């Protein structure tokens, strides 16, 4: 088969799918999407997080960048999402008496972190994917960031005043979330971002496997809520910093004063 023939056939298949899609019931499309996402996660079995998320990046499960390199998804690059987050978090940090030392757990490709770096004192950015950390060290060498490769559930966490967890817990199983939560007491403020269902009465903290998907990929969508069982975080104070509608949910950022 020639390249031109293959290209033509692929285009015809895409046109056919676009024609058929409106005819497929919404529940069936949802079921197919949920099954596909859960199958992606199931294939990892008991592999450690470093292997899992290295494959997520290698397979472009969160999308592809316009240029070669790592890409942490549209949630980390879409100006409609990045802008409000960077503005709200920068404003929060500037309310503090001095520039805080921050720890970014699950920093990804650091596109988001680069926007808030000027409002911070010492900045430690962590991720479990070693080649990603190496790429960040090279790309952001001018920003004076301490990039570290570590497993946030299994390793000791760096010291700091403020900790960022931006759309990270949503990819973890509940056991790992609990282990991370048990180590956050060393920070004064937790800035947590999660992709949640639009309906406020959703069942929180549904069980899921470690992997690229979130708890939205369920027939009954769920999301991570640290103040609900089984985590039961009891912050001194909490404040919603920003919310941005995205797909079938909302990306919500909350600042928790821990002590």
C-alpha atoms as a PDB file:
ATOM      1  CA  UNK A   1       0.000   0.000   0.000  1.00  0.00           C
ATOM      2  CA  UNK A   2       1.413   3.395  -0.993  1.00  0.00           C
ATOM      3  CA  UNK A   3       1.770   6.248   1.487  1.00  0.00           C
ATOM      4  CA  UNK A   4      -0.839   8.309  -0.414  1.00  0.00           C
ATOM      5  CA  UNK A   5      -3.339   5.434  -0.328  1.00  0.00           C
ATOM      6  CA  UNK A   6      -2.826   4.908   3.408  1.00  0.00           C
ATOM      7  CA  UNK A   7      -3.267   8.631   4.052  1.00  0.00           C
ATOM      8  CA  UNK A   8      -6.474   8.709   2.006  1.00  0.00           C
ATOM      9  CA  UNK A   9      -7.891   5.693   3.841  1.00  0.00           C
ATOM     10  CA  UNK A  10      -7.051   7.208   7.227  1.00  0.00           C
ATOM     11  CA  UNK A  11      -8.815  10.430   6.238  1.00  0.00           C
ATOM     12  CA  UNK A  12     -11.893   8.482   5.122  1.00  0.00           C
ATOM     13  CA  UNK A  13     -11.983   6.575   8.419  1.00  0.00           C
ATOM     14  CA  UNK A  14     -11.837   9.837  10.367  1.00  0.00           C
ATOM     15  CA  UNK A  15     -14.666  11.318   8.288  1.00  0.00           C
ATOM     16  CA  UNK A  16     -16.730   8.172   8.837  1.00  0.00           C
ATOM     17  CA  UNK A  17     -16.144   8.326  12.593  1.00  0.00           C
ATOM     18  CA  UNK A  18     -17.167  11.989  12.682  1.00  0.00           C
ATOM     19  CA  UNK A  19     -20.347  11.103  10.774  1.00  0.00           C
ATOM     20  CA  UNK A  20     -21.234   8.211  13.077  1.00  0.00           C
ATOM     21  CA  UNK A  21     -20.344   9.902  16.380  1.00  0.00           C
ATOM     22  CA  UNK A  22     -23.525  12.065  16.679  1.00  0.00           C
ATOM     23  CA  UNK A  23     -25.620   8.924  16.161  1.00  0.00           C
ATOM     24  CA  UNK A  24     -24.049   7.052  19.084  1.00  0.00           C
ATOM     25  CA  UNK A  25     -25.931   7.486  22.405  1.00  0.00           C
ATOM     26  CA  UNK A  26     -24.141   9.624  24.985  1.00  0.00           C
ATOM     27  CA  UNK A  27     -24.116   6.816  27.561  1.00  0.00           C
ATOM     28  CA  UNK A  28     -22.398   4.490  25.084  1.00  0.00           C
ATOM     29  CA  UNK A  29     -19.734   7.068  24.227  1.00  0.00           C
ATOM     30  CA  UNK A  30     -19.160   7.631  27.954  1.00  0.00           C
ATOM     31  CA  UNK A  31     -18.900   3.896  28.576  1.00  0.00           C
ATOM     32  CA  UNK A  32     -16.353   3.491  25.784  1.00  0.00           C
ATOM     33  CA  UNK A  33     -14.266   6.409  27.086  1.00  0.00           C
ATOM     34  CA  UNK A  34     -14.329   5.086  30.659  1.00  0.00           C
ATOM     35  CA  UNK A  35     -13.365   1.568  29.555  1.00  0.00           C
ATOM     36  CA  UNK A  36     -10.500   2.871  27.429  1.00  0.00           C
ATOM     37  CA  UNK A  37      -9.096   5.022  30.253  1.00  0.00           C
ATOM     38  CA  UNK A  38      -9.361   2.232  32.818  1.00  0.00           C
ATOM     39  CA  UNK A  39      -7.722  -0.272  30.465  1.00  0.00           C
ATOM     40  CA  UNK A  40      -4.787   2.112  30.005  1.00  0.00           C
ATOM     41  CA  UNK A  41      -4.247   2.179  33.780  1.00  0.00           C
ATOM     42  CA  UNK A  42      -4.837  -1.567  34.243  1.00  0.00           C
ATOM     43  CA  UNK A  43      -2.003  -2.507  31.903  1.00  0.00           C
ATOM     44  CA  UNK A  44       0.537  -1.093  34.362  1.00  0.00           C
ATOM     45  CA  UNK A  45      -0.327  -3.664  37.033  1.00  0.00           C
ATOM     46  CA  UNK A  46       1.993  -3.249  40.017  1.00  0.00           C
ATOM     47  CA  UNK A  47       4.697  -1.279  38.207  1.00  0.00           C
ATOM     48  CA  UNK A  48       6.306   1.516  40.268  1.00  0.00           C
ATOM     49  CA  UNK A  49       5.279   5.142  39.620  1.00  0.00           C
ATOM     50  CA  UNK A  50       8.503   5.982  37.796  1.00  0.00           C
ATOM     51  CA  UNK A  51       7.834   3.329  35.156  1.00  0.00           C
ATOM     52  CA  UNK A  52       4.138   4.164  34.918  1.00  0.00           C
ATOM     53  CA  UNK A  53       4.519   7.877  34.301  1.00  0.00           C
ATOM     54  CA  UNK A  54       7.567   7.440  32.075  1.00  0.00           C
ATOM     55  CA  UNK A  55       5.294   5.363  29.829  1.00  0.00           C
ATOM     56  CA  UNK A  56       2.514   7.961  30.090  1.00  0.00           C
ATOM     57  CA  UNK A  57       4.880  10.576  28.682  1.00  0.00           C
ATOM     58  CA  UNK A  58       6.429   8.193  26.131  1.00  0.00           C
ATOM     59  CA  UNK A  59       2.958   7.213  24.884  1.00  0.00           C
ATOM     60  CA  UNK A  60       1.749  10.855  24.819  1.00  0.00           C
ATOM     61  CA  UNK A  61      -1.327   9.910  26.868  1.00  0.00           C
ATOM     62  CA  UNK A  62      -1.623  13.533  28.017  1.00  0.00           C
ATOM     63  CA  UNK A  63      -1.105  14.910  24.516  1.00  0.00           C
ATOM     64  CA  UNK A  64       1.843  16.085  22.458  1.00  0.00           C
ATOM     65  CA  UNK A  65       3.831  19.313  22.528  1.00  0.00           C
ATOM     66  CA  UNK A  66       4.301  21.510  19.469  1.00  0.00           C
ATOM     67  CA  UNK A  67       8.044  20.954  19.856  1.00  0.00           C
ATOM     68  CA  UNK A  68      10.011  17.840  20.885  1.00  0.00           C
ATOM     69  CA  UNK A  69      10.115  17.129  24.604  1.00  0.00           C
ATOM     70  CA  UNK A  70       7.891  16.317  27.549  1.00  0.00           C
ATOM     71  CA  UNK A  71       4.288  17.550  27.651  1.00  0.00           C
ATOM     72  CA  UNK A  72       2.219  17.487  30.850  1.00  0.00           C
ATOM     73  CA  UNK A  73      -1.135  18.087  29.148  1.00  0.00           C
ATOM     74  CA  UNK A  74      -3.325  20.992  28.113  1.00  0.00           C
ATOM     75  CA  UNK A  75      -4.088  21.687  31.774  1.00  0.00           C
ATOM     76  CA  UNK A  76      -0.479  22.789  32.131  1.00  0.00           C
ATOM     77  CA  UNK A  77      -0.315  24.771  28.872  1.00  0.00           C
ATOM     78  CA  UNK A  78      -3.723  26.172  27.901  1.00  0.00           C
ATOM     79  CA  UNK A  79      -3.573  29.946  28.678  1.00  0.00           C
ATOM     80  CA  UNK A  80      -7.243  29.819  29.693  1.00  0.00           C
ATOM     81  CA  UNK A  81      -6.236  27.453  32.524  1.00  0.00           C
ATOM     82  CA  UNK A  82      -2.673  28.566  33.253  1.00  0.00           C
ATOM     83  CA  UNK A  83      -3.428  32.293  33.467  1.00  0.00           C
ATOM     84  CA  UNK A  84      -6.011  32.252  36.289  1.00  0.00           C
ATOM     85  CA  UNK A  85      -3.963  29.712  38.256  1.00  0.00           C
ATOM     86  CA  UNK A  86      -0.694  31.646  38.025  1.00  0.00           C
ATOM     87  CA  UNK A  87      -2.447  34.911  38.901  1.00  0.00           C
ATOM     88  CA  UNK A  88      -4.306  33.463  41.905  1.00  0.00           C
ATOM     89  CA  UNK A  89      -1.320  31.571  43.332  1.00  0.00           C
ATOM     90  CA  UNK A  90       1.033  34.526  42.851  1.00  0.00           C
ATOM     91  CA  UNK A  91      -1.441  36.755  44.705  1.00  0.00           C
ATOM     92  CA  UNK A  92      -1.606  34.227  47.562  1.00  0.00           C
ATOM     93  CA  UNK A  93       2.180  34.021  47.866  1.00  0.00           C
ATOM     94  CA  UNK A  94       2.497  37.805  47.904  1.00  0.00           C
ATOM     95  CA  UNK A  95       0.145  37.977  50.886  1.00  0.00           C
ATOM     96  CA  UNK A  96       2.791  36.222  52.982  1.00  0.00           C
ATOM     97  CA  UNK A  97       5.283  38.289  55.028  1.00  0.00           C
ATOM     98  CA  UNK A  98       8.216  37.123  52.871  1.00  0.00           C
ATOM     99  CA  UNK A  99       8.780  35.110  49.737  1.00  0.00           C
ATOM    100  CA  UNK A 100       8.086  31.525  50.861  1.00  0.00           C
ATOM    101  CA  UNK A 101      10.251  28.492  50.255  1.00  0.00           C
ATOM    102  CA  UNK A 102       8.073  26.241  48.114  1.00  0.00           C
ATOM    103  CA  UNK A 103       8.021  22.568  47.200  1.00  0.00           C
ATOM    104  CA  UNK A 104       6.317  21.552  43.956  1.00  0.00           C
ATOM    105  CA  UNK A 105       5.323  17.871  44.128  1.00  0.00           C
ATOM    106  CA  UNK A 106       4.700  16.438  40.677  1.00  0.00           C
ATOM    107  CA  UNK A 107       6.095  19.449  38.822  1.00  0.00           C
ATOM    108  CA  UNK A 108       5.706  17.864  35.378  1.00  0.00           C
ATOM    109  CA  UNK A 109       7.259  19.802  32.505  1.00  0.00           C
ATOM    110  CA  UNK A 110       7.403  22.922  34.760  1.00  0.00           C
ATOM    111  CA  UNK A 111       5.570  25.201  32.340  1.00  0.00           C
ATOM    112  CA  UNK A 112       3.220  26.146  35.184  1.00  0.00           C
ATOM    113  CA  UNK A 113       5.981  26.442  37.773  1.00  0.00           C
ATOM    114  CA  UNK A 114       7.948  28.829  35.596  1.00  0.00           C
ATOM    115  CA  UNK A 115       5.068  31.308  35.800  1.00  0.00           C
ATOM    116  CA  UNK A 116       5.055  31.465  39.610  1.00  0.00           C
ATOM    117  CA  UNK A 117       8.790  31.137  40.243  1.00  0.00           C
ATOM    118  CA  UNK A 118       9.305  34.939  40.671  1.00  0.00           C
ATOM    119  CA  UNK A 119       6.953  35.018  43.690  1.00  0.00           C
ATOM    120  CA  UNK A 120       8.892  32.306  45.543  1.00  0.00           C
ATOM    121  CA  UNK A 121      12.044  32.126  47.611  1.00  0.00           C
ATOM    122  CA  UNK A 122      13.773  28.768  47.387  1.00  0.00           C
ATOM    123  CA  UNK A 123      12.006  26.503  44.896  1.00  0.00           C
ATOM    124  CA  UNK A 124      12.283  22.694  44.970  1.00  0.00           C
ATOM    125  CA  UNK A 125      10.474  20.960  42.085  1.00  0.00           C
ATOM    126  CA  UNK A 126       9.998  17.187  42.227  1.00  0.00           C
ATOM    127  CA  UNK A 127       8.813  14.527  39.809  1.00  0.00           C
ATOM    128  CA  UNK A 128       9.112  10.749  39.588  1.00  0.00           C
ATOM    129  CA  UNK A 129      10.248  10.667  35.927  1.00  0.00           C
ATOM    130  CA  UNK A 130      14.044  10.949  35.850  1.00  0.00           C
ATOM    131  CA  UNK A 131      14.461  12.004  32.171  1.00  0.00           C
ATOM    132  CA  UNK A 132      11.829  14.708  32.710  1.00  0.00           C
ATOM    133  CA  UNK A 133      13.770  16.114  35.663  1.00  0.00           C
ATOM    134  CA  UNK A 134      16.969  16.088  33.583  1.00  0.00           C
ATOM    135  CA  UNK A 135      15.177  17.968  30.788  1.00  0.00           C
ATOM    136  CA  UNK A 136      13.825  20.542  33.256  1.00  0.00           C
ATOM    137  CA  UNK A 137      17.285  21.141  34.720  1.00  0.00           C
ATOM    138  CA  UNK A 138      18.584  21.979  31.260  1.00  0.00           C
ATOM    139  CA  UNK A 139      15.612  24.023  30.072  1.00  0.00           C
ATOM    140  CA  UNK A 140      15.091  26.055  33.247  1.00  0.00           C
ATOM    141  CA  UNK A 141      18.672  26.413  34.460  1.00  0.00           C
ATOM    142  CA  UNK A 142      18.237  30.201  34.480  1.00  0.00           C
ATOM    143  CA  UNK A 143      15.404  30.066  37.055  1.00  0.00           C
ATOM    144  CA  UNK A 144      17.452  28.789  40.023  1.00  0.00           C
ATOM    145  CA  UNK A 145      15.187  25.804  40.714  1.00  0.00           C
ATOM    146  CA  UNK A 146      16.289  22.702  42.620  1.00  0.00           C
ATOM    147  CA  UNK A 147      14.875  19.886  40.464  1.00  0.00           C
ATOM    148  CA  UNK A 148      14.747  16.491  42.169  1.00  0.00           C
ATOM    149  CA  UNK A 149      13.625  13.043  41.060  1.00  0.00           C
ATOM    150  CA  UNK A 150      11.626  11.367  43.817  1.00  0.00           C
ATOM    151  CA  UNK A 151       8.510   9.330  44.535  1.00  0.00           C
ATOM    152  CA  UNK A 152       6.282  11.626  46.582  1.00  0.00           C
ATOM    153  CA  UNK A 153       4.469   8.671  48.206  1.00  0.00           C
ATOM    154  CA  UNK A 154       7.554   6.637  49.060  1.00  0.00           C
ATOM    155  CA  UNK A 155      10.392   9.117  49.601  1.00  0.00           C
ATOM    156  CA  UNK A 156      11.067  11.790  52.203  1.00  0.00           C
ATOM    157  CA  UNK A 157       9.780  15.172  51.076  1.00  0.00           C
ATOM    158  CA  UNK A 158      11.897  18.347  50.993  1.00  0.00           C
ATOM    159  CA  UNK A 159      11.345  21.039  53.618  1.00  0.00           C
ATOM    160  CA  UNK A 160       9.481  24.233  52.753  1.00  0.00           C
ATOM    161  CA  UNK A 161       6.770  26.692  53.736  1.00  0.00           C
ATOM    162  CA  UNK A 162       4.272  26.069  50.928  1.00  0.00           C
ATOM    163  CA  UNK A 163       3.644  22.856  48.994  1.00  0.00           C
ATOM    164  CA  UNK A 164       2.017  22.660  45.556  1.00  0.00           C
ATOM    165  CA  UNK A 165       0.112  19.579  44.396  1.00  0.00           C
ATOM    166  CA  UNK A 166      -1.319  20.521  41.030  1.00  0.00           C
ATOM    167  CA  UNK A 167      -3.407  17.831  39.321  1.00  0.00           C
ATOM    168  CA  UNK A 168      -1.171  15.132  40.774  1.00  0.00           C
ATOM    169  CA  UNK A 169      -3.258  13.253  43.338  1.00  0.00           C
ATOM    170  CA  UNK A 170      -5.979  12.698  40.738  1.00  0.00           C
ATOM    171  CA  UNK A 171      -3.649  10.211  39.015  1.00  0.00           C
ATOM    172  CA  UNK A 172      -2.772   8.266  42.193  1.00  0.00           C
ATOM    173  CA  UNK A 173      -4.525   5.421  43.979  1.00  0.00           C
ATOM    174  CA  UNK A 174      -5.998   6.146  47.415  1.00  0.00           C
ATOM    175  CA  UNK A 175      -3.226   4.309  49.261  1.00  0.00           C
ATOM    176  CA  UNK A 176      -0.559   6.547  47.769  1.00  0.00           C
ATOM    177  CA  UNK A 177      -2.650   9.662  48.393  1.00  0.00           C
ATOM    178  CA  UNK A 178      -2.883   8.713  52.079  1.00  0.00           C
ATOM    179  CA  UNK A 179       0.891   8.263  52.275  1.00  0.00           C
ATOM    180  CA  UNK A 180       1.491  11.663  50.702  1.00  0.00           C
ATOM    181  CA  UNK A 181      -1.040  13.317  52.996  1.00  0.00           C
ATOM    182  CA  UNK A 182       0.659  11.887  56.090  1.00  0.00           C
ATOM    183  CA  UNK A 183       3.822  13.806  55.166  1.00  0.00           C
ATOM    184  CA  UNK A 184       2.302  17.224  54.479  1.00  0.00           C
ATOM    185  CA  UNK A 185       2.262  18.334  58.129  1.00  0.00           C
ATOM    186  CA  UNK A 186       5.725  19.849  57.688  1.00  0.00           C
ATOM    187  CA  UNK A 187       4.286  22.582  55.443  1.00  0.00           C
ATOM    188  CA  UNK A 188       2.276  25.611  56.531  1.00  0.00           C
ATOM    189  CA  UNK A 189       0.171  25.897  53.380  1.00  0.00           C
ATOM    190  CA  UNK A 190      -0.992  23.325  50.836  1.00  0.00           C
ATOM    191  CA  UNK A 191      -2.069  24.620  47.426  1.00  0.00           C
ATOM    192  CA  UNK A 192      -4.089  21.770  45.919  1.00  0.00           C
ATOM    193  CA  UNK A 193      -5.460  21.627  42.383  1.00  0.00           C
ATOM    194  CA  UNK A 194      -7.818  18.860  41.271  1.00  0.00           C
ATOM    195  CA  UNK A 195     -10.031  18.196  38.250  1.00  0.00           C
ATOM    196  CA  UNK A 196     -13.487  17.614  39.736  1.00  0.00           C
ATOM    197  CA  UNK A 197     -16.956  16.820  38.368  1.00  0.00           C
ATOM    198  CA  UNK A 198     -19.242  19.772  37.688  1.00  0.00           C
ATOM    199  CA  UNK A 199     -21.971  18.467  39.992  1.00  0.00           C
ATOM    200  CA  UNK A 200     -21.124  19.308  43.603  1.00  0.00           C
ATOM    201  CA  UNK A 201     -22.829  16.185  44.988  1.00  0.00           C
ATOM    202  CA  UNK A 202     -20.381  13.731  43.385  1.00  0.00           C
ATOM    203  CA  UNK A 203     -19.104  10.765  45.446  1.00  0.00           C
ATOM    204  CA  UNK A 204     -15.542  11.736  46.449  1.00  0.00           C
ATOM    205  CA  UNK A 205     -12.332   9.701  46.438  1.00  0.00           C
ATOM    206  CA  UNK A 206     -13.455   6.732  44.362  1.00  0.00           C
ATOM    207  CA  UNK A 207     -10.884   3.965  44.137  1.00  0.00           C
ATOM    208  CA  UNK A 208      -8.697   3.940  41.026  1.00  0.00           C
ATOM    209  CA  UNK A 209      -5.434   2.480  39.811  1.00  0.00           C
ATOM    210  CA  UNK A 210      -2.218   4.428  39.477  1.00  0.00           C
ATOM    211  CA  UNK A 211      -2.079   5.856  35.958  1.00  0.00           C
ATOM    212  CA  UNK A 212      -2.812   8.584  33.440  1.00  0.00           C
ATOM    213  CA  UNK A 213      -6.575   8.727  33.978  1.00  0.00           C
ATOM    214  CA  UNK A 214      -8.470  10.648  36.646  1.00  0.00           C
ATOM    215  CA  UNK A 215     -11.527   9.785  38.714  1.00  0.00           C
ATOM    216  CA  UNK A 216     -13.655  11.658  36.178  1.00  0.00           C
ATOM    217  CA  UNK A 217     -13.273   8.602  33.927  1.00  0.00           C
ATOM    218  CA  UNK A 218     -16.089   6.668  35.614  1.00  0.00           C
ATOM    219  CA  UNK A 219     -19.740   6.066  34.790  1.00  0.00           C
ATOM    220  CA  UNK A 220     -20.403   8.009  38.012  1.00  0.00           C
ATOM    221  CA  UNK A 221     -17.636  10.652  37.996  1.00  0.00           C
ATOM    222  CA  UNK A 222     -15.598  11.249  41.132  1.00  0.00           C
ATOM    223  CA  UNK A 223     -12.732  13.456  42.268  1.00  0.00           C
ATOM    224  CA  UNK A 224     -10.178  13.828  45.044  1.00  0.00           C
ATOM    225  CA  UNK A 225     -11.442  15.717  48.115  1.00  0.00           C
ATOM    226  CA  UNK A 226      -8.894  15.571  50.933  1.00  0.00           C
ATOM    227  CA  UNK A 227     -11.348  16.789  53.578  1.00  0.00           C
ATOM    228  CA  UNK A 228     -13.696  13.842  52.883  1.00  0.00           C
ATOM    229  CA  UNK A 229     -13.292  10.173  53.901  1.00  0.00           C
ATOM    230  CA  UNK A 230     -11.053   8.236  53.815  1.00  0.00           C
ATOM    231  CA  UNK A 231      -8.521  11.106  54.075  1.00  0.00           C
ATOM    232  CA  UNK A 232     -10.332  13.496  56.446  1.00  0.00           C
ATOM    233  CA  UNK A 233      -7.849  16.376  56.261  1.00  0.00           C
ATOM    234  CA  UNK A 234      -8.677  18.975  58.933  1.00  0.00           C
ATOM    235  CA  UNK A 235      -7.111  22.272  57.845  1.00  0.00           C
ATOM    236  CA  UNK A 236      -7.077  25.364  60.030  1.00  0.00           C
ATOM    237  CA  UNK A 237      -8.467  27.358  57.118  1.00  0.00           C
ATOM    238  CA  UNK A 238      -9.297  26.824  53.452  1.00  0.00           C
ATOM    239  CA  UNK A 239      -9.979  29.147  50.540  1.00  0.00           C
ATOM    240  CA  UNK A 240     -10.852  28.499  46.902  1.00  0.00           C
ATOM    241  CA  UNK A 241      -8.319  30.416  44.803  1.00  0.00           C
ATOM    242  CA  UNK A 242      -9.674  29.761  41.325  1.00  0.00           C
ATOM    243  CA  UNK A 243     -11.916  27.511  39.259  1.00  0.00           C
ATOM    244  CA  UNK A 244     -11.777  26.937  35.510  1.00  0.00           C
ATOM    245  CA  UNK A 245     -14.288  24.898  33.536  1.00  0.00           C
ATOM    246  CA  UNK A 246     -12.560  22.167  31.542  1.00  0.00           C
ATOM    247  CA  UNK A 247     -14.347  19.447  29.597  1.00  0.00           C
ATOM    248  CA  UNK A 248     -16.870  17.619  31.746  1.00  0.00           C
ATOM    249  CA  UNK A 249     -15.465  19.068  34.962  1.00  0.00           C
ATOM    250  CA  UNK A 250     -13.880  22.006  36.730  1.00  0.00           C
ATOM    251  CA  UNK A 251     -10.226  22.497  37.649  1.00  0.00           C
ATOM    252  CA  UNK A 252     -10.343  23.827  41.204  1.00  0.00           C
ATOM    253  CA  UNK A 253      -7.443  25.232  43.220  1.00  0.00           C
ATOM    254  CA  UNK A 254      -7.777  25.463  47.009  1.00  0.00           C
ATOM    255  CA  UNK A 255      -5.315  26.859  49.556  1.00  0.00           C
ATOM    256  CA  UNK A 256      -5.314  24.933  52.847  1.00  0.00           C
ATOM    257  CA  UNK A 257      -3.649  26.416  55.916  1.00  0.00           C
ATOM    258  CA  UNK A 258      -2.371  23.303  57.685  1.00  0.00           C
ATOM    259  CA  UNK A 259      -1.176  24.848  60.963  1.00  0.00           C
END
